[in-house]
Amino acid sequence: MKRWLLLALLAPAAQACELPGGAAQEVKSATSTILYRMAPLRVGEHFAVEFAVCPAPEAVKVDAWMPEHRHGMNYRPTVVAQGGGRYRAEGLMFHMAGRWELVFELRSKGKTERLAHSVRLE
């Protein structure tokens, strides 16, 4: 058997990260992939974020902050695991227009990783 074929057969299958239900934004690091989706945003209205994390972490938090203003949200969202590495964060609210960073904090094996994605709210 050819060496490359043997290596391909012995290598673990790459895990595809999926979020059923339509188009999603993607945030990646060297070790994690996050796909997320949210309804159109409006200033001062609560919203939810549906997301998938691959590989699934032991724990996850979601938050947001405005880098230019150096402050976060006035609300603490709750994250509910949906199974299979999928989650739903509820209770988020952007209380002012501008650039926000949606921040996902992933904890696994005693390490914490933070991935952020920029969101502009007019």
Protein backbone atom coordinates (compact mmCIF):
# COMPACT_ATOMS: atom_id res chain seq x y z
CA MET A 1 0.00 0.00 0.00
CA LYS A 2 1.31 3.44 -0.86
CA ARG A 3 2.61 5.42 2.13
CA TRP A 4 0.36 8.47 1.49
CA LEU A 5 -2.74 6.28 1.31
CA LEU A 6 -1.81 4.57 4.58
CA LEU A 7 -1.32 7.94 6.27
CA ALA A 8 -4.68 9.15 4.94
CA LEU A 9 -6.41 6.07 6.29
CA LEU A 10 -4.77 6.38 9.72
CA ALA A 11 -5.32 10.13 10.12
CA PRO A 12 -8.40 11.17 12.10
CA ALA A 13 -11.23 12.53 10.00
CA ALA A 14 -11.49 16.31 10.01
CA GLN A 15 -14.50 17.47 11.96
CA ALA A 16 -16.84 19.61 9.89
CA CYS A 17 -18.37 22.49 11.81
CA GLU A 18 -22.01 23.00 10.90
CA LEU A 19 -24.85 25.21 12.08
CA PRO A 20 -28.11 24.01 10.51
CA GLY A 21 -30.61 26.64 9.40
CA GLY A 22 -28.90 28.84 6.84
CA ALA A 23 -25.99 31.20 6.37
CA ALA A 24 -23.71 31.89 9.33
CA GLN A 25 -20.71 34.03 10.22
CA GLU A 26 -17.44 32.20 10.90
CA VAL A 27 -14.75 32.91 13.49
CA LYS A 28 -11.62 30.74 13.52
CA SER A 29 -8.49 30.25 15.55
CA ALA A 30 -5.73 27.66 15.24
CA THR A 31 -7.73 25.26 17.42
CA SER A 32 -11.42 26.24 17.21
CA THR A 33 -14.10 27.19 14.71
CA ILE A 34 -17.29 29.05 15.62
CA LEU A 35 -20.25 29.48 13.30
CA TYR A 36 -22.89 31.93 14.53
CA ARG A 37 -26.12 33.51 13.38
CA MET A 38 -28.38 36.22 14.80
CA ALA A 39 -31.44 38.14 13.65
CA PRO A 40 -31.02 41.70 12.34
CA LEU A 41 -29.94 43.94 15.20
CA ARG A 42 -31.61 47.09 16.51
CA VAL A 43 -30.29 49.49 19.11
CA GLY A 44 -31.85 48.84 22.52
CA GLU A 45 -33.53 45.52 21.64
CA HIS A 46 -32.62 42.15 23.13
CA PHE A 47 -31.39 39.50 20.71
CA ALA A 48 -30.14 35.92 20.71
CA VAL A 49 -27.16 34.26 19.04
CA GLU A 50 -27.26 30.68 17.79
CA PHE A 51 -23.81 29.17 17.38
CA ALA A 52 -21.78 26.00 16.97
CA VAL A 53 -18.28 25.43 18.33
CA CYS A 54 -15.92 22.82 16.87
CA PRO A 55 -14.53 21.00 18.67
CA ALA A 56 -17.11 21.41 21.45
CA PRO A 57 -15.56 23.03 24.56
CA GLU A 58 -16.18 22.07 28.19
CA ALA A 59 -17.71 25.51 28.84
CA VAL A 60 -18.57 28.59 26.78
CA LYS A 61 -19.51 32.21 27.50
CA VAL A 62 -20.69 34.96 25.17
CA ASP A 63 -20.26 38.68 25.76
CA ALA A 64 -19.79 41.87 23.73
CA TRP A 65 -17.99 45.14 24.15
CA MET A 66 -17.24 48.37 22.30
CA PRO A 67 -13.47 48.72 21.90
CA GLU A 68 -13.56 52.43 21.02
CA HIS A 69 -15.70 53.26 24.07
CA ARG A 70 -14.04 50.69 26.36
CA HIS A 71 -17.28 49.32 27.78
CA GLY A 72 -19.42 46.25 27.42
CA MET A 73 -23.10 45.51 27.44
CA ASN A 74 -25.41 46.41 30.31
CA TYR A 75 -26.77 42.84 30.35
CA ARG A 76 -25.34 39.40 31.10
CA PRO A 77 -26.45 36.86 28.51
CA THR A 78 -27.20 33.25 29.35
CA VAL A 79 -25.86 30.41 27.24
CA VAL A 80 -27.84 27.20 26.87
CA ALA A 81 -26.24 24.09 25.36
CA GLN A 82 -28.35 22.55 22.59
CA GLY A 83 -26.20 19.41 22.22
CA GLY A 84 -23.63 18.39 19.63
CA GLY A 85 -21.50 21.51 20.12
CA ARG A 86 -24.44 23.85 19.43
CA TYR A 87 -25.55 26.65 21.77
CA ARG A 88 -27.98 29.55 22.09
CA ALA A 89 -27.06 32.75 23.92
CA GLU A 90 -30.02 34.90 25.00
CA GLY A 91 -30.39 38.28 26.65
CA LEU A 92 -27.81 40.24 24.68
CA MET A 93 -28.50 43.91 23.94
CA PHE A 94 -26.44 46.55 22.15
CA HIS A 95 -27.60 49.73 23.87
CA MET A 96 -25.90 52.11 21.43
CA ALA A 97 -24.90 52.26 17.76
CA GLY A 98 -21.31 51.73 16.67
CA ARG A 99 -18.78 48.94 16.38
CA TRP A 100 -19.16 46.08 18.83
CA GLU A 101 -17.10 42.93 19.24
CA LEU A 102 -19.04 39.75 19.89
CA VAL A 103 -16.73 37.69 22.13
CA PHE A 104 -16.87 33.93 22.59
CA GLU A 105 -14.90 32.51 25.52
CA LEU A 106 -14.14 28.79 25.22
CA ARG A 107 -12.76 26.69 28.09
CA SER A 108 -11.31 23.21 27.65
CA LYS A 109 -8.61 21.20 29.42
CA GLY A 110 -7.74 24.04 31.79
CA LYS A 111 -7.20 26.58 28.97
CA THR A 112 -9.33 29.55 27.95
CA GLU A 113 -9.51 30.86 24.42
CA ARG A 114 -11.28 34.08 23.37
CA LEU A 115 -12.49 34.57 19.81
CA ALA A 116 -14.04 37.88 18.74
CA HIS A 117 -15.92 39.05 15.67
CA SER A 118 -16.65 42.67 14.80
CA VAL A 119 -20.30 43.74 14.38
CA ARG A 120 -21.36 47.22 13.26
CA LEU A 121 -24.72 48.54 14.43
CA GLU A 122 -26.04 51.68 12.75
